[in-house]
Amino acid sequence: MDVPSEFRNRKSGKRRPKKGGSKPQLYEDTSMQPPPSQHYGGQQGQGIDMEGYDPSGYGGPPGMSQIPGAQYLNDPMANMAMQYGQSLAGQGTEFVHKNIEKYVSTSRMKYYFAVDTTYVMKKLGLLCFPFTQTDWSIKFNQDQPVAPRDDCNAPDLYIPSMAFVTYILVAGLVLGTHNKFTPEQLGIQTSSALVWLILELFVLNMSLYIMNLKTDLKYLDIVAYCGYKFVGMILCLLSGMLFESTGYYVTLLWFSITIAFFLVQTLRVKILPHSEDSNYSRGSKRSLYLILSISLLQPVMMWWLTGYIMFAK
């Protein structure tokens, strides 16, 4: 009896080979497979697939996603608001410039600071020794006064502004020698001198208006002439610091005379009327009173602003 071959093999302990003759693999070969896609979240199969994601932020330029609020730059409403804000800022700047030019002309301010070293030295000498000056007239060029650097008699704002700052520094130095220096005292001296200067400007302008005097004197001229007293105040403080009260009073007396003489000679050119009409005599008398008032007020202000510093307790 013939036994089938499969039974003969099973009986003999031999396995029947599979078709194809290949041996089974113990592990899966992944060397030829493509790498798995990256996932956002840490584990495969979880989170959001990052493949094809544009990190630059909605197709914008690289690095745009790192700028806060960058997504609003392409918003039409944001651009419209930005343009509207720029137009408002431009209108505000133009308004400020117009008002500043109305009350403080830039070209006029440049005139008062058109000085050089020669003018400054001559002007300081004139303030200290005005008795040597013979010609006090102001030069004109086509109905316009020439720049201060070309005329020593023209008013300027460079010397008053520099003298004001120097006065504050010297006042602090003198207070320091008396062991009275504090930042508060320095601020008090600055504000006090500035307030008195503004008060002088207001009173003199009101006097010109009330007396109805037609003069060539402008408010910046008044600031310049009233500011020249700071030169004498600086020297008074320095003399008092070096020679005590005797040096202070001698220097104060000298500069009280010089500033009064300087202002009388200078202001009579600008304030005294030049027209010959029926009101000439009355206008001349009122102008003379005003000139004397301004000239005599300066020594009083010099003593008031320096005496407290010199004899501070």
Protein backbone atom coordinates (compact mmCIF):
# COMPACT_ATOMS: atom_id res chain seq x y z
CA MET A 1 0.00 0.00 0.00
CA ASP A 2 1.49 3.29 -1.03
CA VAL A 3 1.61 6.00 1.69
CA PRO A 4 1.32 9.64 0.60
CA SER A 5 4.55 11.54 0.66
CA GLU A 6 3.37 14.08 3.24
CA PHE A 7 2.69 11.38 5.73
CA ARG A 8 6.05 9.82 5.09
CA ASN A 9 7.80 13.14 5.77
CA ARG A 10 5.81 13.84 8.97
CA LYS A 11 6.59 10.40 10.17
CA SER A 12 10.29 10.79 9.56
CA GLY A 13 10.36 14.16 11.38
CA LYS A 14 11.22 16.23 8.34
CA ARG A 15 9.28 19.36 7.57
CA ARG A 16 8.02 20.06 4.17
CA PRO A 17 9.82 23.09 2.74
CA LYS A 18 7.68 26.03 1.71
CA LYS A 19 7.33 27.01 -1.82
CA GLY A 20 10.04 29.38 -3.00
CA GLY A 21 12.67 27.94 -0.68
CA SER A 22 13.25 31.21 1.40
CA LYS A 23 13.76 31.16 5.15
CA PRO A 24 11.43 33.24 7.41
CA GLN A 25 12.92 36.63 8.69
CA LEU A 26 13.23 37.20 12.43
CA TYR A 27 12.88 41.06 12.21
CA GLU A 28 11.58 43.61 9.77
CA ASP A 29 14.15 45.40 7.57
CA THR A 30 13.48 49.13 7.60
CA SER A 31 16.69 50.32 5.93
CA MET A 32 15.01 50.85 2.57
CA GLN A 33 11.80 52.45 3.89
CA PRO A 34 11.26 56.27 3.83
CA PRO A 35 11.58 58.08 7.19
CA PRO A 36 8.32 58.63 9.07
CA SER A 37 6.74 62.05 8.85
CA GLN A 38 7.49 64.48 11.74
CA HIS A 39 4.71 65.13 14.17
CA TYR A 40 4.07 68.02 16.50
CA GLY A 41 3.55 66.66 19.97
CA GLY A 42 6.37 64.21 20.68
CA GLN A 43 4.89 60.74 19.93
CA GLN A 44 4.18 59.31 16.54
CA GLY A 45 0.57 59.41 15.55
CA GLN A 46 -0.30 62.18 18.03
CA GLY A 47 -0.65 65.97 17.66
CA ILE A 48 -0.64 68.06 14.49
CA ASP A 49 1.31 67.14 11.39
CA MET A 50 4.02 69.82 10.86
CA GLU A 51 4.78 68.75 7.30
CA GLY A 52 4.22 71.66 4.91
CA TYR A 53 3.87 74.25 7.76
CA ASP A 54 5.32 77.69 6.97
CA PRO A 55 7.05 79.01 10.12
CA SER A 56 7.44 82.50 8.67
CA GLY A 57 3.83 83.28 9.47
CA TYR A 58 1.13 83.18 6.76
CA GLY A 59 3.59 83.19 3.92
CA GLY A 60 5.28 86.43 5.09
CA PRO A 61 8.99 87.15 4.97
CA PRO A 62 11.29 85.03 7.16
CA GLY A 63 11.39 86.12 10.79
CA MET A 64 8.10 88.01 10.58
CA SER A 65 6.41 85.62 12.98
CA GLN A 66 8.82 86.69 15.71
CA ILE A 67 7.62 90.34 15.62
CA PRO A 68 4.66 91.03 17.94
CA GLY A 69 1.60 92.19 16.02
CA ALA A 70 3.16 91.38 12.64
CA GLN A 71 -0.09 89.84 11.43
CA TYR A 72 -1.72 93.32 11.64
CA LEU A 73 0.71 94.96 9.23
CA ASN A 74 -1.16 93.60 6.24
CA ASP A 75 -4.52 94.63 7.67
CA PRO A 76 -6.08 97.44 5.55
CA MET A 77 -7.79 98.97 8.57
CA ALA A 78 -4.50 99.10 10.49
CA ASN A 79 -2.77 100.80 7.56
CA MET A 80 -5.59 103.33 7.28
CA ALA A 81 -5.38 104.11 11.00
CA MET A 82 -1.62 104.52 10.75
CA GLN A 83 -1.91 106.96 7.84
CA TYR A 84 -4.60 108.93 9.67
CA GLY A 85 -2.37 109.18 12.75
CA GLN A 86 0.56 110.39 10.66
CA SER A 87 -1.60 113.07 9.05
CA LEU A 88 -2.81 114.28 12.48
CA ALA A 89 0.78 114.41 13.74
CA GLY A 90 1.83 116.45 10.70
CA GLN A 91 -1.03 118.91 11.20
CA GLY A 92 -0.14 119.30 14.90
CA THR A 93 3.50 119.98 14.10
CA GLU A 94 2.55 122.57 11.51
CA PHE A 95 0.19 124.27 13.98
CA VAL A 96 2.90 124.46 16.66
CA HIS A 97 5.43 125.88 14.20
CA LYS A 98 2.99 128.55 13.04
CA ASN A 99 2.23 129.68 16.59
CA ILE A 100 5.88 129.69 17.62
CA GLU A 101 6.76 131.70 14.53
CA LYS A 102 3.93 134.10 15.38
CA TYR A 103 5.22 134.96 18.85
CA VAL A 104 8.91 134.04 18.64
CA SER A 105 10.27 134.51 15.14
CA THR A 106 13.15 132.19 14.33
CA SER A 107 14.82 134.76 12.09
CA ARG A 108 14.56 137.39 14.84
CA MET A 109 16.10 135.03 17.39
CA LYS A 110 18.98 134.34 15.01
CA TYR A 111 19.60 138.08 14.82
CA TYR A 112 20.09 138.36 18.61
CA PHE A 113 22.58 135.48 18.61
CA ALA A 114 24.59 136.64 15.59
CA VAL A 115 27.73 137.43 17.60
CA ASP A 116 31.43 136.61 17.49
CA THR A 117 34.32 136.70 19.93
CA THR A 118 35.29 140.27 19.06
CA TYR A 119 31.78 141.54 19.73
CA VAL A 120 31.56 139.70 23.08
CA MET A 121 34.85 141.16 24.28
CA LYS A 122 33.89 144.69 23.21
CA LYS A 123 30.43 144.40 24.77
CA LEU A 124 31.80 143.16 28.09
CA GLY A 125 34.27 146.03 28.11
CA LEU A 126 31.43 148.45 27.35
CA LEU A 127 29.35 147.08 30.23
CA CYS A 128 32.26 147.46 32.66
CA PHE A 129 33.53 150.84 31.39
CA PRO A 130 30.73 152.60 29.45
CA PHE A 131 32.14 156.09 30.08
CA THR A 132 34.66 155.72 27.26
CA GLN A 133 31.95 155.28 24.61
CA THR A 134 31.03 158.36 22.58
CA ASP A 135 28.79 157.03 19.80
CA TRP A 136 25.68 155.20 21.05
CA SER A 137 23.72 155.16 17.78
CA ILE A 138 22.61 151.88 16.20
CA LYS A 139 23.62 151.15 12.61
CA PHE A 140 21.02 150.23 10.01
CA ASN A 141 21.20 148.48 6.67
CA GLN A 142 18.20 149.20 4.43
CA ASP A 143 15.88 150.01 7.34
CA GLN A 144 17.03 146.91 9.22
CA PRO A 145 19.50 147.00 12.12
CA VAL A 146 22.79 145.31 11.39
CA ALA A 147 23.78 142.16 13.24
CA PRO A 148 25.31 142.59 16.70
CA ARG A 149 28.69 141.31 15.51
CA ASP A 150 28.89 144.36 13.24
CA ASP A 151 27.60 146.90 15.78
CA CYS A 152 28.68 146.96 19.41
CA ASN A 153 25.65 149.07 20.40
CA ALA A 154 23.11 146.51 19.14
CA PRO A 155 21.37 144.40 21.79
CA ASP A 156 22.04 140.67 21.90
CA LEU A 157 20.80 137.68 23.86
CA TYR A 158 24.02 135.67 23.89
CA ILE A 159 25.69 137.59 26.73
CA PRO A 160 22.51 137.73 28.92
CA SER A 161 21.82 134.00 28.52
CA MET A 162 25.43 132.99 29.21
CA ALA A 163 25.63 135.44 32.12
CA PHE A 164 22.41 134.03 33.61
CA VAL A 165 23.76 130.46 33.58
CA THR A 166 27.11 131.62 34.98
CA TYR A 167 25.35 133.57 37.73
CA ILE A 168 23.54 130.43 38.89
CA LEU A 169 26.83 128.47 38.99
CA VAL A 170 28.66 131.24 40.87
CA ALA A 171 25.76 131.51 43.31
CA GLY A 172 26.10 127.80 44.03
CA LEU A 173 29.85 128.26 44.54
CA VAL A 174 29.36 131.11 47.00
CA LEU A 175 26.70 129.17 48.91
CA GLY A 176 29.12 126.27 49.09
CA THR A 177 31.81 128.44 50.69
CA HIS A 178 29.23 129.38 53.35
CA ASN A 179 28.26 125.71 53.84
CA LYS A 180 24.74 126.59 52.68
CA PHE A 181 24.72 124.80 49.33
CA THR A 182 21.86 122.43 48.61
CA PRO A 183 20.21 121.47 45.33
CA GLU A 184 17.05 123.11 46.62
CA GLN A 185 18.84 126.41 47.17
CA LEU A 186 20.23 126.30 43.63
CA GLY A 187 16.74 125.74 42.25
CA ILE A 188 15.38 128.58 44.36
CA GLN A 189 17.99 130.99 43.01
CA THR A 190 17.31 129.93 39.42
CA SER A 191 13.55 130.27 39.67
CA SER A 192 13.79 133.53 41.61
CA ALA A 193 16.05 135.19 39.02
CA LEU A 194 13.88 133.93 36.16
CA VAL A 195 10.64 135.09 37.77
CA TRP A 196 12.02 138.57 38.45
CA LEU A 197 13.23 138.83 34.85
CA ILE A 198 9.80 137.87 33.53
CA LEU A 199 8.18 140.34 35.92
CA GLU A 200 10.45 143.12 34.66
CA LEU A 201 9.51 142.28 31.08
CA PHE A 202 5.79 142.37 31.92
CA VAL A 203 5.96 145.66 33.85
CA LEU A 204 7.99 147.46 31.18
CA ASN A 205 5.74 146.28 28.37
CA MET A 206 2.69 147.38 30.31
CA SER A 207 4.33 150.76 30.98
CA LEU A 208 4.96 151.25 27.27
CA TYR A 209 1.34 150.35 26.54
CA ILE A 210 -0.17 152.57 29.24
CA MET A 211 2.01 155.57 28.34
CA ASN A 212 1.18 155.01 24.66
CA LEU A 213 4.79 155.48 23.60
CA LYS A 214 5.75 154.67 20.03
CA THR A 215 9.28 153.36 20.28
CA ASP A 216 11.65 151.05 18.44
CA LEU A 217 11.99 148.93 21.58
CA LYS A 218 10.88 145.31 21.20
CA TYR A 219 10.26 142.83 23.97
CA LEU A 220 13.43 140.90 23.09
CA ASP A 221 15.36 144.16 23.40
CA ILE A 222 13.96 144.54 26.92
CA VAL A 223 15.07 141.00 27.79
CA ALA A 224 18.56 141.79 26.49
CA TYR A 225 18.93 145.11 28.35
CA CYS A 226 17.57 143.67 31.60
CA GLY A 227 19.80 140.63 31.23
CA TYR A 228 23.02 142.65 31.07
CA LYS A 229 22.89 143.16 34.83
CA PHE A 230 23.88 139.51 35.36
CA VAL A 231 27.41 140.39 34.25
CA GLY A 232 27.77 142.83 37.17
CA MET A 233 26.09 140.38 39.55
CA ILE A 234 28.67 137.70 38.74
CA LEU A 235 31.55 140.05 39.51
CA CYS A 236 29.85 141.21 42.70
CA LEU A 237 29.58 137.65 43.98
CA LEU A 238 33.18 136.83 43.06
CA SER A 239 34.46 140.00 44.74
CA GLY A 240 32.42 139.24 47.84
CA MET A 241 33.77 135.71 47.97
CA LEU A 242 37.39 136.95 47.73
CA PHE A 243 37.23 140.21 49.70
CA GLU A 244 34.21 139.68 51.94
CA SER A 245 31.59 142.41 52.32
CA THR A 246 33.94 145.30 51.42
CA GLY A 247 34.70 143.89 47.99
CA TYR A 248 31.05 143.09 47.44
CA TYR A 249 29.76 146.59 48.19
CA VAL A 250 32.51 148.35 46.20
CA THR A 251 31.83 146.17 43.13
CA LEU A 252 28.09 146.56 43.54
CA LEU A 253 28.42 150.35 43.69
CA TRP A 254 30.58 150.43 40.57
CA PHE A 255 28.33 148.25 38.47
CA SER A 256 25.22 150.03 39.70
CA ILE A 257 26.63 153.23 38.22
CA THR A 258 27.85 151.59 35.01
CA ILE A 259 24.61 149.70 34.26
CA ALA A 260 22.52 152.80 34.91
CA PHE A 261 24.72 154.94 32.67
CA PHE A 262 24.77 152.26 29.96
CA LEU A 263 20.99 151.90 29.91
CA VAL A 264 20.36 155.66 29.89
CA GLN A 265 22.63 156.12 26.89
CA THR A 266 21.27 153.08 25.07
CA LEU A 267 17.54 153.41 25.75
CA ARG A 268 17.30 157.07 24.86
CA VAL A 269 18.12 156.11 21.27
CA LYS A 270 15.20 153.67 21.14
CA ILE A 271 12.61 155.26 23.44
CA LEU A 272 12.88 159.04 22.99
CA PRO A 273 10.54 160.26 20.21
CA HIS A 274 12.14 161.39 16.97
CA SER A 275 9.18 163.13 15.38
CA GLU A 276 8.60 166.84 15.78
CA ASP A 277 4.89 167.24 16.44
CA SER A 278 2.68 168.87 19.06
CA ASN A 279 3.07 165.95 21.48
CA TYR A 280 6.85 165.88 21.29
CA SER A 281 7.45 167.64 24.61
CA ARG A 282 4.99 165.53 26.59
CA GLY A 283 6.17 162.32 24.91
CA SER A 284 9.79 163.20 25.58
CA LYS A 285 9.09 163.76 29.27
CA ARG A 286 7.24 160.46 29.64
CA SER A 287 9.98 158.64 27.79
CA LEU A 288 12.61 160.17 30.03
CA TYR A 289 10.74 158.99 33.12
CA LEU A 290 10.55 155.48 31.71
CA ILE A 291 14.27 155.44 30.88
CA LEU A 292 15.20 156.55 34.37
CA SER A 293 12.85 153.98 35.91
CA ILE A 294 14.41 151.12 33.94
CA SER A 295 17.96 152.32 34.61
CA LEU A 296 17.47 152.75 38.37
CA LEU A 297 15.59 149.49 38.74
CA GLN A 298 18.58 147.40 37.64
CA PRO A 299 20.87 148.25 40.62
CA VAL A 300 18.02 147.44 42.99
CA MET A 301 17.54 144.06 41.34
CA MET A 302 21.29 143.39 41.47
CA TRP A 303 21.36 144.02 45.22
CA TRP A 304 18.19 142.01 45.82
CA LEU A 305 19.40 138.91 43.94
CA THR A 306 22.98 138.90 45.25
CA GLY A 307 22.61 140.19 48.81
CA TYR A 308 20.74 137.10 50.00
CA ILE A 309 23.45 134.85 48.59
CA MET A 310 26.33 136.81 50.08
CA PHE A 311 24.88 137.08 53.58
CA ALA A 312 22.98 133.82 53.77
CA LYS A 313 22.83 132.51 57.35
